[in-house]
């Protein structure tokens, strides 16, 4: 039996006793300091420990689940953006109003309010007016009010340096006032005269000389208009009362005449307004019809032909698409 001293010497020499007393080389002895086994960290949130390994007495095996896939990262299948969290600032796009209608939001509100009142009050009265008054009588009243504006048309043609059209307008006014019984009948447009009605006024004069329409507006009572048109129409309506005087400047005539004129216009406009309301965007559609008609009237003064349009004011209302007749350049 080997003594401890001899065994220690043999280990120093790199040999070891085998099972049968033979000497065998020993494993080299490392002089490096011993390294402690790595400590097992506590399981993180979502991780689990293998219970079978714990029962067998082996070191516990930490099972860590794969990391979650973040949206909109490479390899991600999620396409929808995460919902905004409280306190986050979300920036959304804003559609600008069209260039000719900078007050679009305000005009839309005005249009909706007017249409609500129209459906509740004006429309039933206009329908009763259409049913209760024969068509020739309604047409005669519209001719009467239209004939009263012929002096304004005459002056507008003079300002546009169209003396031929001014003379035709003066002749038309004279014929309808006399033969047409104060303008109730439009005799001048028939044979042998062939003098049709042509709209004109200060707003058209301004447009003829290149003044733009300005911002579009939809005003209660007035309806669709532009800055240029509201100025021109206001002046036009003041010419006859100031030039002729009584009774055209007295409230007892002005108020009932204005109501009757507007009622006749609304009655003639009934079918067209129903078509406008059936559109996806009634406000925008009505605006385009108005601006298109106004542009056509200015183009006609320059002798240019425009495509057919649906009148939303004037004697042509209720007749379907019409073409503005170009005027000969004088």
Protein backbone atom coordinates (compact mmCIF):
# COMPACT_ATOMS: atom_id res chain seq x y z
CA UNK A 1 0.00 0.00 0.00
CA UNK A 2 1.35 3.40 -1.02
CA UNK A 3 1.98 5.92 1.65
CA UNK A 4 0.65 9.41 1.25
CA UNK A 5 4.14 10.83 0.72
CA UNK A 6 4.90 8.46 -2.16
CA UNK A 7 1.46 9.13 -3.70
CA UNK A 8 2.09 12.83 -3.54
CA UNK A 9 5.50 12.34 -5.17
CA UNK A 10 4.00 10.28 -7.95
CA UNK A 11 1.40 12.95 -8.65
CA UNK A 12 4.21 15.49 -8.75
CA UNK A 13 5.96 13.33 -11.37
CA UNK A 14 2.78 13.01 -13.47
CA UNK A 15 2.07 9.33 -12.84
CA UNK A 16 -0.81 7.51 -11.14
CA UNK A 17 -1.41 4.03 -9.87
CA UNK A 18 -3.77 2.01 -12.03
CA UNK A 19 -6.34 -0.37 -10.78
CA UNK A 20 -3.92 -3.31 -10.99
CA UNK A 21 -0.90 -1.48 -9.52
CA UNK A 22 0.40 -0.26 -12.87
CA UNK A 23 1.49 3.30 -13.31
CA UNK A 24 -0.46 5.51 -15.72
CA UNK A 25 0.07 9.06 -16.76
CA UNK A 26 -2.07 11.50 -14.84
CA UNK A 27 -3.98 14.38 -16.22
CA UNK A 28 -2.11 17.62 -16.10
CA UNK A 29 -2.95 19.75 -13.17
CA UNK A 30 -4.00 23.30 -13.96
CA UNK A 31 -2.63 26.02 -11.81
CA UNK A 32 -5.31 28.54 -12.88
CA UNK A 33 -7.69 29.62 -10.19
CA UNK A 34 -10.99 27.80 -10.07
CA UNK A 35 -13.93 29.51 -11.75
CA UNK A 36 -17.25 29.49 -9.93
CA UNK A 37 -20.20 28.06 -11.84
CA UNK A 38 -22.42 30.70 -13.35
CA UNK A 39 -25.25 31.80 -11.17
CA UNK A 40 -28.76 31.20 -12.44
CA UNK A 41 -30.69 34.43 -12.67
CA UNK A 42 -34.25 34.71 -11.51
CA UNK A 43 -36.78 34.02 -14.28
CA UNK A 44 -37.82 37.13 -16.11
CA UNK A 45 -41.39 38.06 -16.80
CA UNK A 46 -42.80 35.59 -19.34
CA UNK A 47 -40.02 32.99 -18.70
CA UNK A 48 -40.56 29.55 -17.06
CA UNK A 49 -38.47 26.88 -15.32
CA UNK A 50 -38.54 23.26 -16.49
CA UNK A 51 -40.26 21.41 -13.58
CA UNK A 52 -38.91 17.97 -14.61
CA UNK A 53 -35.35 19.18 -14.29
CA UNK A 54 -36.10 20.54 -10.83
CA UNK A 55 -37.53 17.16 -9.67
CA UNK A 56 -34.49 15.20 -10.97
CA UNK A 57 -32.16 17.36 -8.89
CA UNK A 58 -30.45 18.79 -11.95
CA UNK A 59 -29.78 22.43 -12.45
CA UNK A 60 -33.03 24.20 -13.40
CA UNK A 61 -33.36 24.99 -17.11
CA UNK A 62 -34.64 28.47 -17.86
CA UNK A 63 -37.05 28.53 -20.82
CA UNK A 64 -37.26 31.98 -22.39
CA UNK A 65 -40.04 32.65 -24.95
CA UNK A 66 -39.11 34.31 -28.27
CA UNK A 67 -39.36 38.10 -28.38
CA UNK A 68 -42.65 39.50 -29.69
CA UNK A 69 -42.72 40.69 -33.29
CA UNK A 70 -42.99 44.47 -33.43
CA UNK A 71 -45.29 45.97 -36.11
CA UNK A 72 -43.83 47.62 -39.18
CA UNK A 73 -40.39 46.02 -38.62
CA UNK A 74 -38.58 43.77 -41.13
CA UNK A 75 -40.13 40.34 -40.99
CA UNK A 76 -43.31 41.64 -39.42
CA UNK A 77 -46.70 40.62 -40.81
CA UNK A 78 -48.62 43.39 -39.07
CA UNK A 79 -49.64 46.21 -41.40
CA UNK A 80 -51.88 48.37 -39.27
CA UNK A 81 -50.32 51.15 -37.26
CA UNK A 82 -50.62 51.08 -33.54
CA UNK A 83 -53.53 52.98 -32.08
CA UNK A 84 -52.61 56.41 -30.70
CA UNK A 85 -51.99 56.43 -26.98
CA UNK A 86 -53.39 59.02 -24.58
CA UNK A 87 -51.33 62.18 -24.69
CA UNK A 88 -49.98 61.57 -28.20
CA UNK A 89 -50.36 64.30 -30.83
CA UNK A 90 -51.94 63.01 -34.03
CA UNK A 91 -51.44 65.16 -37.14
CA UNK A 92 -54.12 64.80 -39.82
CA UNK A 93 -54.45 66.37 -43.29
CA UNK A 94 -56.77 69.32 -44.02
CA UNK A 95 -58.39 70.02 -47.39
CA UNK A 96 -58.08 73.63 -48.44
CA UNK A 97 -61.12 75.40 -49.90
CA UNK A 98 -61.09 76.01 -53.66
CA UNK A 99 -59.40 79.24 -54.78
CA UNK A 100 -62.65 80.94 -55.77
CA UNK A 101 -64.45 80.02 -52.55
CA UNK A 102 -62.26 80.90 -49.56
CA UNK A 103 -65.34 81.07 -47.30
CA UNK A 104 -66.50 77.58 -48.29
CA UNK A 105 -67.23 76.37 -44.75
CA UNK A 106 -69.25 79.44 -43.88
CA UNK A 107 -71.04 79.35 -47.22
CA UNK A 108 -71.93 75.69 -46.75
CA UNK A 109 -73.47 76.46 -43.38
CA UNK A 110 -75.44 79.32 -44.93
CA UNK A 111 -76.57 77.05 -47.78
CA UNK A 112 -77.73 74.34 -45.37
CA UNK A 113 -79.63 76.86 -43.23
CA UNK A 114 -81.32 78.42 -46.27
CA UNK A 115 -82.30 75.00 -47.62
CA UNK A 116 -83.81 74.02 -44.28
CA UNK A 117 -85.95 77.17 -44.22
CA UNK A 118 -86.81 76.71 -47.89
CA UNK A 119 -88.05 73.15 -47.37
CA UNK A 120 -90.12 74.14 -44.35
CA UNK A 121 -91.61 77.46 -45.54
CA UNK A 122 -90.75 78.70 -49.03
CA UNK A 123 -91.08 75.46 -50.98
CA UNK A 124 -94.69 74.75 -49.89
CA UNK A 125 -95.66 78.34 -50.79
CA UNK A 126 -93.90 78.09 -54.16
CA UNK A 127 -95.67 74.83 -54.96
CA UNK A 128 -99.02 76.38 -54.02
CA UNK A 129 -98.12 79.38 -56.21
CA UNK A 130 -97.44 77.06 -59.16
CA UNK A 131 -100.68 75.13 -58.65
CA UNK A 132 -102.92 78.09 -57.85
CA UNK A 133 -101.74 80.52 -60.53
CA UNK A 134 -101.96 79.57 -64.23
CA UNK A 135 -98.69 79.37 -66.11
CA UNK A 136 -99.48 82.35 -68.45
CA UNK A 137 -100.09 84.54 -65.38
CA UNK A 138 -96.82 83.43 -63.76
CA UNK A 139 -94.98 84.03 -67.01
CA UNK A 140 -96.57 87.47 -67.38
CA UNK A 141 -95.42 88.56 -63.91
CA UNK A 142 -91.86 87.46 -64.61
CA UNK A 143 -91.94 89.34 -67.93
CA UNK A 144 -93.14 92.46 -66.11
CA UNK A 145 -90.25 92.48 -63.62
CA UNK A 146 -87.76 91.60 -66.35
CA UNK A 147 -88.98 94.49 -68.50
CA UNK A 148 -88.39 96.93 -65.64
CA UNK A 149 -84.67 96.10 -65.81
CA UNK A 150 -84.32 96.84 -69.54
CA UNK A 151 -83.15 100.44 -68.87
CA UNK A 152 -80.28 98.97 -66.81
CA UNK A 153 -79.40 96.66 -69.71
CA UNK A 154 -79.45 99.68 -72.05
CA UNK A 155 -76.99 101.61 -69.87
CA UNK A 156 -74.72 98.57 -69.53
CA UNK A 157 -74.42 98.23 -73.30
CA UNK A 158 -73.52 101.90 -73.57
CA UNK A 159 -70.75 101.42 -70.99
CA UNK A 160 -69.47 98.46 -73.01
CA UNK A 161 -69.46 100.64 -76.16
CA UNK A 162 -72.03 98.45 -77.89
CA UNK A 163 -74.38 101.06 -79.34
CA UNK A 164 -76.13 98.57 -81.62
CA UNK A 165 -77.15 96.34 -78.71
CA UNK A 166 -78.14 99.42 -76.71
CA UNK A 167 -80.51 100.53 -79.48
CA UNK A 168 -81.99 97.01 -79.71
CA UNK A 169 -82.57 97.01 -75.95
CA UNK A 170 -84.29 100.40 -76.09
CA UNK A 171 -86.51 99.13 -78.90
CA UNK A 172 -87.32 95.97 -76.99
CA UNK A 173 -88.30 97.99 -73.92
CA UNK A 174 -90.54 100.29 -75.95
CA UNK A 175 -92.30 97.44 -77.78
CA UNK A 176 -92.96 95.36 -74.66
CA UNK A 177 -94.05 98.35 -72.59
CA UNK A 178 -96.62 99.39 -75.21
CA UNK A 179 -97.67 96.38 -77.27
CA UNK A 180 -96.82 93.99 -74.48
CA UNK A 181 -99.09 95.74 -71.94
CA UNK A 182 -96.46 97.15 -69.55
CA UNK A 183 -94.19 94.20 -70.24
CA UNK A 184 -96.60 91.40 -69.31
CA UNK A 185 -96.12 89.89 -72.77
CA UNK A 186 -92.75 89.50 -74.46
CA UNK A 187 -93.85 90.63 -77.92
CA UNK A 188 -90.42 91.88 -78.95
CA UNK A 189 -88.85 88.41 -79.18
CA UNK A 190 -91.36 87.26 -81.80
CA UNK A 191 -91.79 88.21 -85.43
CA UNK A 192 -91.36 90.66 -86.92
CA UNK A 193 -89.05 92.13 -84.28
CA UNK A 194 -86.85 89.19 -83.20
CA UNK A 195 -85.35 91.07 -80.27
CA UNK A 196 -84.55 88.44 -77.60
CA UNK A 197 -83.87 89.23 -73.97
CA UNK A 198 -80.16 89.63 -73.19
CA UNK A 199 -79.00 89.86 -69.58
CA UNK A 200 -76.64 92.69 -68.76
CA UNK A 201 -75.78 94.99 -65.89
CA UNK A 202 -72.96 96.64 -64.01
CA UNK A 203 -71.50 93.30 -62.88
CA UNK A 204 -71.30 92.21 -66.52
CA UNK A 205 -69.69 95.53 -67.46
CA UNK A 206 -66.99 94.94 -64.84
CA UNK A 207 -66.48 91.38 -66.05
CA UNK A 208 -66.35 92.56 -69.66
CA UNK A 209 -63.42 94.84 -68.82
CA UNK A 210 -61.55 92.07 -67.00
CA UNK A 211 -62.60 92.51 -63.37
CA UNK A 212 -62.62 89.08 -61.75
CA UNK A 213 -65.62 87.73 -59.87
CA UNK A 214 -63.90 87.78 -56.49
CA UNK A 215 -64.78 85.35 -53.71
CA UNK A 216 -67.92 83.29 -54.06
CA UNK A 217 -70.60 83.76 -51.41
CA UNK A 218 -73.92 82.16 -50.56
CA UNK A 219 -76.05 84.70 -48.71
CA UNK A 220 -79.53 84.39 -47.19
CA UNK A 221 -82.25 85.96 -49.40
CA UNK A 222 -79.64 86.80 -52.08
CA UNK A 223 -78.51 83.23 -52.73
CA UNK A 224 -75.37 82.47 -54.77
CA UNK A 225 -73.28 85.48 -55.72
CA UNK A 226 -69.75 86.86 -55.85
CA UNK A 227 -68.20 90.08 -54.62
CA UNK A 228 -68.38 91.59 -58.10
CA UNK A 229 -71.99 90.45 -58.60
CA UNK A 230 -73.31 91.66 -55.25
CA UNK A 231 -71.88 95.14 -55.90
CA UNK A 232 -73.21 95.26 -59.45
CA UNK A 233 -76.66 93.90 -58.61
CA UNK A 234 -77.08 96.34 -55.74
CA UNK A 235 -76.37 99.28 -58.03
CA UNK A 236 -78.65 97.86 -60.74
CA UNK A 237 -81.60 97.65 -58.35
CA UNK A 238 -81.11 101.29 -57.32
CA UNK A 239 -81.12 102.78 -60.83
CA UNK A 240 -84.85 102.52 -61.62
CA UNK A 241 -86.13 103.76 -58.23
CA UNK A 242 -83.75 106.75 -58.32
CA UNK A 243 -84.24 107.53 -62.01
CA UNK A 244 -88.03 107.21 -62.16
CA UNK A 245 -89.01 107.87 -58.56
CA UNK A 246 -92.54 107.13 -57.39
CA UNK A 247 -93.94 104.57 -56.99
CA UNK A 248 -90.76 102.50 -57.49
CA UNK A 249 -89.04 104.08 -54.49
CA UNK A 250 -91.91 103.71 -52.04
CA UNK A 251 -92.12 100.84 -49.55
CA UNK A 252 -95.74 100.13 -50.46
CA UNK A 253 -94.50 99.10 -53.91
CA UNK A 254 -90.97 97.87 -53.18
CA UNK A 255 -91.87 95.30 -50.48
CA UNK A 256 -94.76 93.48 -52.21
CA UNK A 257 -93.01 93.71 -55.61
CA UNK A 258 -89.84 92.17 -54.18
CA UNK A 259 -91.76 89.34 -52.48
CA UNK A 260 -93.79 88.60 -55.60
CA UNK A 261 -90.73 88.69 -57.83
CA UNK A 262 -88.73 86.37 -55.55
CA UNK A 263 -91.68 84.00 -55.22
CA UNK A 264 -92.02 83.80 -58.99
CA UNK A 265 -88.30 83.09 -59.35
CA UNK A 266 -88.45 80.37 -56.71
CA UNK A 267 -91.49 78.76 -58.34
CA UNK A 268 -89.72 78.67 -61.71
CA UNK A 269 -86.63 77.25 -59.98
CA UNK A 270 -88.49 74.40 -58.27
CA UNK A 271 -87.50 71.56 -60.62
CA UNK A 272 -83.88 72.69 -60.81
CA UNK A 273 -83.45 72.94 -57.04
CA UNK A 274 -84.79 69.41 -56.65
CA UNK A 275 -82.15 68.17 -59.09
CA UNK A 276 -79.47 70.05 -57.17
CA UNK A 277 -80.53 68.47 -53.89
CA UNK A 278 -80.26 65.00 -55.43
CA UNK A 279 -76.56 65.53 -56.11
CA UNK A 280 -73.90 64.04 -53.84
CA UNK A 281 -72.66 67.52 -52.92
CA UNK A 282 -75.56 69.95 -53.55
CA UNK A 283 -73.63 73.00 -52.38
CA UNK A 284 -70.66 72.46 -54.71
CA UNK A 285 -72.95 71.55 -57.62
CA UNK A 286 -75.05 74.69 -57.18
CA UNK A 287 -71.90 76.81 -56.94
CA UNK A 288 -70.52 75.39 -60.19
CA UNK A 289 -73.82 75.96 -62.03
CA UNK A 290 -73.92 79.59 -60.92
CA UNK A 291 -70.29 80.36 -61.75
CA UNK A 292 -70.61 78.59 -65.07
CA UNK A 293 -73.64 80.70 -66.05
CA UNK A 294 -71.95 83.92 -65.01
CA UNK A 295 -68.84 83.06 -67.01
CA UNK A 296 -70.98 82.19 -70.04
CA UNK A 297 -72.66 85.60 -69.95
CA UNK A 298 -69.31 87.40 -69.87
CA UNK A 299 -67.97 85.21 -72.69
CA UNK A 300 -71.09 85.97 -74.78
CA UNK A 301 -70.32 89.69 -74.52
CA UNK A 302 -66.98 88.97 -76.21
CA UNK A 303 -68.67 86.95 -78.96
CA UNK A 304 -67.41 83.58 -77.71
CA UNK A 305 -69.47 80.40 -77.87
CA UNK A 306 -69.76 78.32 -74.68
CA UNK A 307 -71.19 74.87 -74.02
CA UNK A 308 -74.84 74.45 -72.95
CA UNK A 309 -75.61 75.17 -69.30
CA UNK A 310 -78.45 74.86 -66.81
CA UNK A 311 -79.70 78.35 -65.81
CA UNK A 312 -80.08 78.95 -62.07
CA UNK A 313 -81.42 82.52 -62.38
CA UNK A 314 -83.04 84.76 -64.97
CA UNK A 315 -85.74 84.08 -67.58
CA UNK A 316 -84.09 80.83 -68.70
CA UNK A 317 -84.77 79.00 -65.43
CA UNK A 318 -86.80 75.81 -65.71
CA UNK A 319 -86.09 75.36 -69.44
CA UNK A 320 -83.29 72.83 -69.09
CA UNK A 321 -79.80 73.21 -70.59
CA UNK A 322 -79.51 76.27 -72.85
CA UNK A 323 -76.69 77.88 -74.81
CA UNK A 324 -75.68 81.48 -74.22
CA UNK A 325 -75.94 83.20 -77.60
CA UNK A 326 -72.66 84.93 -78.52
CA UNK A 327 -73.02 88.59 -79.39
CA UNK A 328 -71.48 90.15 -82.44
CA UNK A 329 -68.46 92.26 -81.63
CA UNK A 330 -69.22 95.93 -82.43
